[in-house]
Amino acid sequence: MYNEEHEKRLAKESKLPNSEGKVWEEIKVGETEINISGKVCKVVISRNKEGNIEIEPTEDGIWNKDGWLSEGHCVEGYNFEVILSQHNN
């Protein structure tokens, strides 16, 4: 599942339980507005069945041709921040 180096780190870390085999309940965490490349966008935040957080923009027309995210979006992390930005080709 992971590369060999990460598997060794997993085996060494004993304070946290491993996620392998854990059954995650898919839940909606909430709705809010966030900054996506300088625009205020409505989003739904969820935890998926793999245990990962999803942030889905839901603003009307945002995905349509000429919409703010019509060319896609990028997700990156910085410390504990999750940053969504507009993708430009």
PDB file of N, CA and C in Angstrom:
ATOM      1  N   MET A   1       0.822  -1.195   0.000  1.00  0.00           N
ATOM      2  CA  MET A   1       0.000   0.000   0.000  1.00  0.00           C
ATOM      3  C   MET A   1       0.870   1.265   0.000  1.00  0.00           C
ATOM      4  N   TYR A   2       1.836   1.334   0.907  1.00  0.00           N
ATOM      5  CA  TYR A   2       2.767   2.460   0.957  1.00  0.00           C
ATOM      6  C   TYR A   2       4.136   1.987   0.493  1.00  0.00           C
ATOM      7  N   ASN A   3       5.042   2.936   0.277  1.00  0.00           N
ATOM      8  CA  ASN A   3       6.390   2.525  -0.097  1.00  0.00           C
ATOM      9  C   ASN A   3       7.114   1.948   1.123  1.00  0.00           C
ATOM     10  N   GLU A   4       8.209   1.274   0.879  1.00  0.00           N
ATOM     11  CA  GLU A   4       8.932   0.549   1.928  1.00  0.00           C
ATOM     12  C   GLU A   4       9.387   1.481   3.059  1.00  0.00           C
ATOM     13  N   GLU A   5       9.862   2.670   2.713  1.00  0.00           N
ATOM     14  CA  GLU A   5      10.332   3.624   3.733  1.00  0.00           C
ATOM     15  C   GLU A   5       9.190   4.033   4.667  1.00  0.00           C
ATOM     16  N   HIS A   6       8.010   4.296   4.108  1.00  0.00           N
ATOM     17  CA  HIS A   6       6.875   4.682   4.943  1.00  0.00           C
ATOM     18  C   HIS A   6       6.387   3.498   5.784  1.00  0.00           C
ATOM     19  N   GLU A   7       6.412   2.301   5.239  1.00  0.00           N
ATOM     20  CA  GLU A   7       6.027   1.103   6.000  1.00  0.00           C
ATOM     21  C   GLU A   7       6.909   0.951   7.241  1.00  0.00           C
ATOM     22  N   LYS A   8       8.200   1.260   7.124  1.00  0.00           N
ATOM     23  CA  LYS A   8       9.115   1.184   8.273  1.00  0.00           C
ATOM     24  C   LYS A   8       8.740   2.233   9.322  1.00  0.00           C
ATOM     25  N   ARG A   9       8.357   3.440   8.879  1.00  0.00           N
ATOM     26  CA  ARG A   9       7.925   4.485   9.827  1.00  0.00           C
ATOM     27  C   ARG A   9       6.641   4.067  10.533  1.00  0.00           C
ATOM     28  N   LEU A  10       5.707   3.437   9.788  1.00  0.00           N
ATOM     29  CA  LEU A  10       4.465   2.960  10.391  1.00  0.00           C
ATOM     30  C   LEU A  10       4.746   1.950  11.498  1.00  0.00           C
ATOM     31  N   ALA A  11       5.660   1.022  11.226  1.00  0.00           N
ATOM     32  CA  ALA A  11       5.982  -0.017  12.201  1.00  0.00           C
ATOM     33  C   ALA A  11       6.652   0.574  13.448  1.00  0.00           C
ATOM     34  N   LYS A  12       7.442   1.609  13.270  1.00  0.00           N
ATOM     35  CA  LYS A  12       8.190   2.224  14.379  1.00  0.00           C
ATOM     36  C   LYS A  12       7.288   3.065  15.279  1.00  0.00           C
ATOM     37  N   GLU A  13       6.304   3.762  14.729  1.00  0.00           N
ATOM     38  CA  GLU A  13       5.419   4.635  15.506  1.00  0.00           C
ATOM     39  C   GLU A  13       4.411   3.788  16.266  1.00  0.00           C
ATOM     40  N   SER A  14       4.484   3.827  17.582  1.00  0.00           N
ATOM     41  CA  SER A  14       3.589   2.987  18.377  1.00  0.00           C
ATOM     42  C   SER A  14       2.554   3.771  19.171  1.00  0.00           C
ATOM     43  N   LYS A  15       2.648   5.099  19.205  1.00  0.00           N
ATOM     44  CA  LYS A  15       1.694   5.906  19.988  1.00  0.00           C
ATOM     45  C   LYS A  15       0.335   6.017  19.307  1.00  0.00           C
ATOM     46  N   LEU A  16       0.318   5.947  17.996  1.00  0.00           N
ATOM     47  CA  LEU A  16      -0.923   6.068  17.232  1.00  0.00           C
ATOM     48  C   LEU A  16      -1.296   4.729  16.621  1.00  0.00           C
ATOM     49  N   PRO A  17      -2.581   4.378  16.608  1.00  0.00           N
ATOM     50  CA  PRO A  17      -2.972   3.127  15.959  1.00  0.00           C
ATOM     51  C   PRO A  17      -2.883   3.255  14.435  1.00  0.00           C
ATOM     52  N   ASN A  18      -2.603   2.158  13.766  1.00  0.00           N
ATOM     53  CA  ASN A  18      -2.580   2.156  12.306  1.00  0.00           C
ATOM     54  C   ASN A  18      -4.002   2.250  11.766  1.00  0.00           C
ATOM     55  N   SER A  19      -4.154   2.882  10.618  1.00  0.00           N
ATOM     56  CA  SER A  19      -5.476   3.051  10.019  1.00  0.00           C
ATOM     57  C   SER A  19      -5.910   1.847   9.198  1.00  0.00           C
ATOM     58  N   GLU A  20      -4.977   0.959   8.841  1.00  0.00           N
ATOM     59  CA  GLU A  20      -5.313  -0.217   8.043  1.00  0.00           C
ATOM     60  C   GLU A  20      -6.341  -1.064   8.788  1.00  0.00           C
ATOM     61  N   GLY A  21      -7.413  -1.380   8.111  1.00  0.00           N
ATOM     62  CA  GLY A  21      -8.465  -2.187   8.709  1.00  0.00           C
ATOM     63  C   GLY A  21      -9.523  -1.391   9.459  1.00  0.00           C
ATOM     64  N   LYS A  22      -9.295  -0.102   9.685  1.00  0.00           N
ATOM     65  CA  LYS A  22     -10.294   0.719  10.374  1.00  0.00           C
ATOM     66  C   LYS A  22     -11.457   0.972   9.424  1.00  0.00           C
ATOM     67  N   VAL A  23     -12.660   0.864   9.946  1.00  0.00           N
ATOM     68  CA  VAL A  23     -13.861   1.152   9.163  1.00  0.00           C
ATOM     69  C   VAL A  23     -14.274   2.581   9.479  1.00  0.00           C
ATOM     70  N   TRP A  24     -14.274   3.408   8.455  1.00  0.00           N
ATOM     71  CA  TRP A  24     -14.612   4.827   8.614  1.00  0.00           C
ATOM     72  C   TRP A  24     -16.051   5.054   8.188  1.00  0.00           C
ATOM     73  N   GLU A  25     -16.771   5.766   9.020  1.00  0.00           N
ATOM     74  CA  GLU A  25     -18.128   6.173   8.662  1.00  0.00           C
ATOM     75  C   GLU A  25     -18.023   7.456   7.843  1.00  0.00           C
ATOM     76  N   GLU A  26     -18.677   7.465   6.703  1.00  0.00           N
ATOM     77  CA  GLU A  26     -18.701   8.654   5.856  1.00  0.00           C
ATOM     78  C   GLU A  26     -19.639   9.665   6.514  1.00  0.00           C
ATOM     79  N   ILE A  27     -19.122  10.859   6.839  1.00  0.00           N
ATOM     80  CA  ILE A  27     -19.950  11.870   7.501  1.00  0.00           C
ATOM     81  C   ILE A  27     -19.763  13.242   6.868  1.00  0.00           C
ATOM     82  N   LYS A  28     -20.804  14.043   6.936  1.00  0.00           N
ATOM     83  CA  LYS A  28     -20.720  15.444   6.533  1.00  0.00           C
ATOM     84  C   LYS A  28     -20.319  16.223   7.777  1.00  0.00           C
ATOM     85  N   VAL A  29     -19.213  16.923   7.707  1.00  0.00           N
ATOM     86  CA  VAL A  29     -18.710  17.687   8.845  1.00  0.00           C
ATOM     87  C   VAL A  29     -19.422  19.033   8.933  1.00  0.00           C
ATOM     88  N   GLY A  30     -19.643  19.671   7.781  1.00  0.00           N
ATOM     89  CA  GLY A  30     -20.329  20.954   7.794  1.00  0.00           C
ATOM     90  C   GLY A  30     -20.254  21.671   6.464  1.00  0.00           C
ATOM     91  N   GLU A  31     -20.847  22.852   6.458  1.00  0.00           N
ATOM     92  CA  GLU A  31     -20.812  23.734   5.294  1.00  0.00           C
ATOM     93  C   GLU A  31     -20.261  25.075   5.741  1.00  0.00           C
ATOM     94  N   THR A  32     -19.519  25.726   4.847  1.00  0.00           N
ATOM     95  CA  THR A  32     -18.966  27.034   5.164  1.00  0.00           C
ATOM     96  C   THR A  32     -18.597  27.742   3.860  1.00  0.00           C
ATOM     97  N   GLU A  33     -18.012  28.887   3.969  1.00  0.00           N
ATOM     98  CA  GLU A  33     -17.449  29.609   2.827  1.00  0.00           C
ATOM     99  C   GLU A  33     -15.947  29.697   3.039  1.00  0.00           C
ATOM    100  N   ILE A  34     -15.193  29.522   1.944  1.00  0.00           N
ATOM    101  CA  ILE A  34     -13.733  29.622   2.019  1.00  0.00           C
ATOM    102  C   ILE A  34     -13.203  30.483   0.879  1.00  0.00           C
ATOM    103  N   ASN A  35     -11.959  30.863   1.003  1.00  0.00           N
ATOM    104  CA  ASN A  35     -11.251  31.636  -0.017  1.00  0.00           C
ATOM    105  C   ASN A  35     -10.648  30.667  -1.029  1.00  0.00           C
ATOM    106  N   ILE A  36     -11.053  30.787  -2.286  1.00  0.00           N
ATOM    107  CA  ILE A  36     -10.421  30.020  -3.364  1.00  0.00           C
ATOM    108  C   ILE A  36      -9.865  31.025  -4.361  1.00  0.00           C
ATOM    109  N   SER A  37      -8.561  31.246  -4.283  1.00  0.00           N
ATOM    110  CA  SER A  37      -7.855  32.179  -5.170  1.00  0.00           C
ATOM    111  C   SER A  37      -8.517  33.552  -5.199  1.00  0.00           C
ATOM    112  N   GLY A  38      -8.850  34.081  -4.035  1.00  0.00           N
ATOM    113  CA  GLY A  38      -9.382  35.437  -3.940  1.00  0.00           C
ATOM    114  C   GLY A  38     -10.882  35.565  -4.079  1.00  0.00           C
ATOM    115  N   LYS A  39     -11.613  34.462  -4.249  1.00  0.00           N
ATOM    116  CA  LYS A  39     -13.074  34.487  -4.355  1.00  0.00           C
ATOM    117  C   LYS A  39     -13.675  33.726  -3.185  1.00  0.00           C
ATOM    118  N   VAL A  40     -14.803  34.207  -2.667  1.00  0.00           N
ATOM    119  CA  VAL A  40     -15.520  33.532  -1.591  1.00  0.00           C
ATOM    120  C   VAL A  40     -16.396  32.454  -2.206  1.00  0.00           C
ATOM    121  N   CYS A  41     -16.168  31.192  -1.820  1.00  0.00           N
ATOM    122  CA  CYS A  41     -16.898  30.067  -2.398  1.00  0.00           C
ATOM    123  C   CYS A  41     -17.527  29.217  -1.299  1.00  0.00           C
ATOM    124  N   LYS A  42     -18.767  28.788  -1.532  1.00  0.00           N
ATOM    125  CA  LYS A  42     -19.450  27.885  -0.614  1.00  0.00           C
ATOM    126  C   LYS A  42     -18.893  26.479  -0.818  1.00  0.00           C
ATOM    127  N   VAL A  43     -18.681  25.744   0.303  1.00  0.00           N
ATOM    128  CA  VAL A  43     -18.162  24.384   0.242  1.00  0.00           C
ATOM    129  C   VAL A  43     -18.856  23.486   1.262  1.00  0.00           C
ATOM    130  N   VAL A  44     -18.832  22.183   0.988  1.00  0.00           N
ATOM    131  CA  VAL A  44     -19.254  21.161   1.939  1.00  0.00           C
ATOM    132  C   VAL A  44     -17.990  20.416   2.352  1.00  0.00           C
ATOM    133  N   ILE A  45     -17.826  20.213   3.663  1.00  0.00           N
ATOM    134  CA  ILE A  45     -16.675  19.493   4.197  1.00  0.00           C
ATOM    135  C   ILE A  45     -17.167  18.148   4.718  1.00  0.00           C
ATOM    136  N   SER A  46     -16.509  17.067   4.286  1.00  0.00           N
ATOM    137  CA  SER A  46     -16.919  15.711   4.664  1.00  0.00           C
ATOM    138  C   SER A  46     -15.696  14.874   5.010  1.00  0.00           C
ATOM    139  N   ARG A  47     -15.933  13.782   5.747  1.00  0.00           N
ATOM    140  CA  ARG A  47     -14.921  12.738   5.921  1.00  0.00           C
ATOM    141  C   ARG A  47     -15.401  11.561   5.094  1.00  0.00           C
ATOM    142  N   ASN A  48     -14.551  11.077   4.187  1.00  0.00           N
ATOM    143  CA  ASN A  48     -14.976   9.980   3.312  1.00  0.00           C
ATOM    144  C   ASN A  48     -14.703   8.617   3.950  1.00  0.00           C
ATOM    145  N   LYS A  49     -15.069   7.549   3.245  1.00  0.00           N
ATOM    146  CA  LYS A  49     -14.950   6.207   3.805  1.00  0.00           C
ATOM    147  C   LYS A  49     -13.512   5.712   3.907  1.00  0.00           C
ATOM    148  N   GLU A  50     -12.547   6.480   3.394  1.00  0.00           N
ATOM    149  CA  GLU A  50     -11.131   6.166   3.591  1.00  0.00           C
ATOM    150  C   GLU A  50     -10.553   6.926   4.786  1.00  0.00           C
ATOM    151  N   GLY A  51     -11.385   7.794   5.411  1.00  0.00           N
ATOM    152  CA  GLY A  51     -10.927   8.576   6.557  1.00  0.00           C
ATOM    153  C   GLY A  51     -10.316   9.914   6.175  1.00  0.00           C
ATOM    154  N   ASN A  52     -10.363  10.263   4.897  1.00  0.00           N
ATOM    155  CA  ASN A  52      -9.800  11.521   4.422  1.00  0.00           C
ATOM    156  C   ASN A  52     -10.856  12.622   4.418  1.00  0.00           C
ATOM    157  N   ILE A  53     -10.406  13.844   4.584  1.00  0.00           N
ATOM    158  CA  ILE A  53     -11.288  15.010   4.538  1.00  0.00           C
ATOM    159  C   ILE A  53     -11.458  15.449   3.090  1.00  0.00           C
ATOM    160  N   GLU A  54     -12.704  15.724   2.693  1.00  0.00           N
ATOM    161  CA  GLU A  54     -13.001  16.244   1.352  1.00  0.00           C
ATOM    162  C   GLU A  54     -13.605  17.638   1.504  1.00  0.00           C
ATOM    163  N   ILE A  55     -13.188  18.539   0.655  1.00  0.00           N
ATOM    164  CA  ILE A  55     -13.743  19.891   0.612  1.00  0.00           C
ATOM    165  C   ILE A  55     -14.268  20.095  -0.802  1.00  0.00           C
ATOM    166  N   GLU A  56     -15.597  20.168  -0.922  1.00  0.00           N
ATOM    167  CA  GLU A  56     -16.221  20.227  -2.247  1.00  0.00           C
ATOM    168  C   GLU A  56     -16.906  21.576  -2.455  1.00  0.00           C
ATOM    169  N   PRO A  57     -16.397  22.396  -3.381  1.00  0.00           N
ATOM    170  CA  PRO A  57     -17.067  23.652  -3.693  1.00  0.00           C
ATOM    171  C   PRO A  57     -18.453  23.388  -4.282  1.00  0.00           C
ATOM    172  N   THR A  58     -19.457  24.134  -3.830  1.00  0.00           N
ATOM    173  CA  THR A  58     -20.838  23.913  -4.256  1.00  0.00           C
ATOM    174  C   THR A  58     -21.499  25.171  -4.821  1.00  0.00           C
ATOM    175  N   GLU A  59     -20.763  26.225  -4.963  1.00  0.00           N
ATOM    176  CA  GLU A  59     -21.300  27.488  -5.469  1.00  0.00           C
ATOM    177  C   GLU A  59     -21.926  27.274  -6.846  1.00  0.00           C
ATOM    178  N   ASP A  60     -23.125  27.793  -7.050  1.00  0.00           N
ATOM    179  CA  ASP A  60     -23.807  27.657  -8.347  1.00  0.00           C
ATOM    180  C   ASP A  60     -22.951  28.202  -9.480  1.00  0.00           C
ATOM    181  N   GLY A  61     -22.810  27.410 -10.549  1.00  0.00           N
ATOM    182  CA  GLY A  61     -22.103  27.849 -11.747  1.00  0.00           C
ATOM    183  C   GLY A  61     -20.598  27.803 -11.676  1.00  0.00           C
ATOM    184  N   ILE A  62     -20.045  27.420 -10.532  1.00  0.00           N
ATOM    185  CA  ILE A  62     -18.590  27.477 -10.366  1.00  0.00           C
ATOM    186  C   ILE A  62     -17.856  26.501 -11.283  1.00  0.00           C
ATOM    187  N   TRP A  63     -18.498  25.359 -11.629  1.00  0.00           N
ATOM    188  CA  TRP A  63     -17.877  24.351 -12.488  1.00  0.00           C
ATOM    189  C   TRP A  63     -18.245  24.529 -13.959  1.00  0.00           C
ATOM    190  N   ASN A  64     -19.221  25.368 -14.268  1.00  0.00           N
ATOM    191  CA  ASN A  64     -19.675  25.563 -15.655  1.00  0.00           C
ATOM    192  C   ASN A  64     -18.605  26.248 -16.498  1.00  0.00           C
ATOM    193  N   LYS A  65     -18.787  26.189 -17.815  1.00  0.00           N
ATOM    194  CA  LYS A  65     -17.880  26.889 -18.726  1.00  0.00           C
ATOM    195  C   LYS A  65     -17.808  28.352 -18.293  1.00  0.00           C
ATOM    196  N   ASP A  66     -16.599  28.863 -18.168  1.00  0.00           N
ATOM    197  CA  ASP A  66     -16.324  30.224 -17.711  1.00  0.00           C
ATOM    198  C   ASP A  66     -16.604  30.422 -16.221  1.00  0.00           C
ATOM    199  N   GLY A  67     -16.927  29.347 -15.486  1.00  0.00           N
ATOM    200  CA  GLY A  67     -17.064  29.436 -14.030  1.00  0.00           C
ATOM    201  C   GLY A  67     -15.689  29.539 -13.381  1.00  0.00           C
ATOM    202  N   TRP A  68     -15.653  29.929 -12.117  1.00  0.00           N
ATOM    203  CA  TRP A  68     -14.390  30.174 -11.413  1.00  0.00           C
ATOM    204  C   TRP A  68     -13.481  28.943 -11.424  1.00  0.00           C
ATOM    205  N   LEU A  69     -14.055  27.741 -11.343  1.00  0.00           N
ATOM    206  CA  LEU A  69     -13.245  26.521 -11.329  1.00  0.00           C
ATOM    207  C   LEU A  69     -13.471  25.652 -12.564  1.00  0.00           C
ATOM    208  N   SER A  70     -13.849  26.277 -13.674  1.00  0.00           N
ATOM    209  CA  SER A  70     -14.144  25.523 -14.894  1.00  0.00           C
ATOM    210  C   SER A  70     -12.928  24.770 -15.427  1.00  0.00           C
ATOM    211  N   GLU A  71     -11.730  25.229 -15.122  1.00  0.00           N
ATOM    212  CA  GLU A  71     -10.511  24.560 -15.572  1.00  0.00           C
ATOM    213  C   GLU A  71      -9.955  23.623 -14.496  1.00  0.00           C
ATOM    214  N   GLY A  72     -10.697  23.437 -13.410  1.00  0.00           N
ATOM    215  CA  GLY A  72     -10.255  22.570 -12.329  1.00  0.00           C
ATOM    216  C   GLY A  72      -9.734  23.358 -11.144  1.00  0.00           C
ATOM    217  N   HIS A  73      -9.263  22.626 -10.145  1.00  0.00           N
ATOM    218  CA  HIS A  73      -8.719  23.263  -8.959  1.00  0.00           C
ATOM    219  C   HIS A  73      -7.560  22.436  -8.412  1.00  0.00           C
ATOM    220  N   CYS A  74      -6.778  23.045  -7.553  1.00  0.00           N
ATOM    221  CA  CYS A  74      -5.632  22.402  -6.922  1.00  0.00           C
ATOM    222  C   CYS A  74      -5.832  22.425  -5.413  1.00  0.00           C
ATOM    223  N   VAL A  75      -5.380  21.385  -4.735  1.00  0.00           N
ATOM    224  CA  VAL A  75      -5.443  21.312  -3.282  1.00  0.00           C
ATOM    225  C   VAL A  75      -4.019  21.112  -2.777  1.00  0.00           C
ATOM    226  N   GLU A  76      -3.624  21.922  -1.805  1.00  0.00           N
ATOM    227  CA  GLU A  76      -2.313  21.757  -1.194  1.00  0.00           C
ATOM    228  C   GLU A  76      -2.435  21.997   0.303  1.00  0.00           C
ATOM    229  N   GLY A  77      -1.438  21.605   1.028  1.00  0.00           N
ATOM    230  CA  GLY A  77      -1.462  21.798   2.464  1.00  0.00           C
ATOM    231  C   GLY A  77      -0.274  22.611   2.926  1.00  0.00           C
ATOM    232  N   TYR A  78      -0.469  23.366   3.983  1.00  0.00           N
ATOM    233  CA  TYR A  78       0.603  24.136   4.595  1.00  0.00           C
ATOM    234  C   TYR A  78       0.344  24.135   6.087  1.00  0.00           C
ATOM    235  N   ASN A  79       1.222  23.504   6.862  1.00  0.00           N
ATOM    236  CA  ASN A  79       0.979  23.269   8.288  1.00  0.00           C
ATOM    237  C   ASN A  79      -0.371  22.579   8.417  1.00  0.00           C
ATOM    238  N   PHE A  80      -1.323  23.154   9.123  1.00  0.00           N
ATOM    239  CA  PHE A  80      -2.634  22.534   9.266  1.00  0.00           C
ATOM    240  C   PHE A  80      -3.660  23.112   8.301  1.00  0.00           C
ATOM    241  N   GLU A  81      -3.245  24.029   7.435  1.00  0.00           N
ATOM    242  CA  GLU A  81      -4.166  24.616   6.459  1.00  0.00           C
ATOM    243  C   GLU A  81      -4.310  23.713   5.240  1.00  0.00           C
ATOM    244  N   VAL A  82      -5.529  23.638   4.718  1.00  0.00           N
ATOM    245  CA  VAL A  82      -5.794  23.017   3.424  1.00  0.00           C
ATOM    246  C   VAL A  82      -6.167  24.168   2.504  1.00  0.00           C
ATOM    247  N   ILE A  83      -5.444  24.317   1.411  1.00  0.00           N
ATOM    248  CA  ILE A  83      -5.621  25.462   0.519  1.00  0.00           C
ATOM    249  C   ILE A  83      -6.141  24.974  -0.829  1.00  0.00           C
ATOM    250  N   LEU A  84      -7.293  25.495  -1.246  1.00  0.00           N
ATOM    251  CA  LEU A  84      -7.830  25.220  -2.566  1.00  0.00           C
ATOM    252  C   LEU A  84      -7.532  26.441  -3.431  1.00  0.00           C
ATOM    253  N   SER A  85      -7.110  26.197  -4.641  1.00  0.00           N
ATOM    254  CA  SER A  85      -6.847  27.310  -5.547  1.00  0.00           C
ATOM    255  C   SER A  85      -7.351  26.957  -6.944  1.00  0.00           C
ATOM    256  N   GLN A  86      -7.592  28.001  -7.715  1.00  0.00           N
ATOM    257  CA  GLN A  86      -8.061  27.861  -9.088  1.00  0.00           C
ATOM    258  C   GLN A  86      -6.913  27.339  -9.939  1.00  0.00           C
ATOM    259  N   HIS A  87      -7.206  26.347 -10.789  1.00  0.00           N
ATOM    260  CA  HIS A  87      -6.209  25.831 -11.723  1.00  0.00           C
ATOM    261  C   HIS A  87      -6.336  26.600 -13.031  1.00  0.00           C
ATOM    262  N   ASN A  88      -5.226  27.092 -13.509  1.00  0.00           N
ATOM    263  CA  ASN A  88      -5.206  27.813 -14.780  1.00  0.00           C
ATOM    264  C   ASN A  88      -4.309  27.100 -15.753  1.00  0.00           C
ATOM    265  N   ASN A  89      -4.876  26.740 -16.925  1.00  0.00           N
ATOM    266  CA  ASN A  89      -4.064  26.059 -17.958  1.00  0.00           C
ATOM    267  C   ASN A  89      -3.172  27.030 -18.665  1.00  0.00           C
TER     268      ASN A  89
END
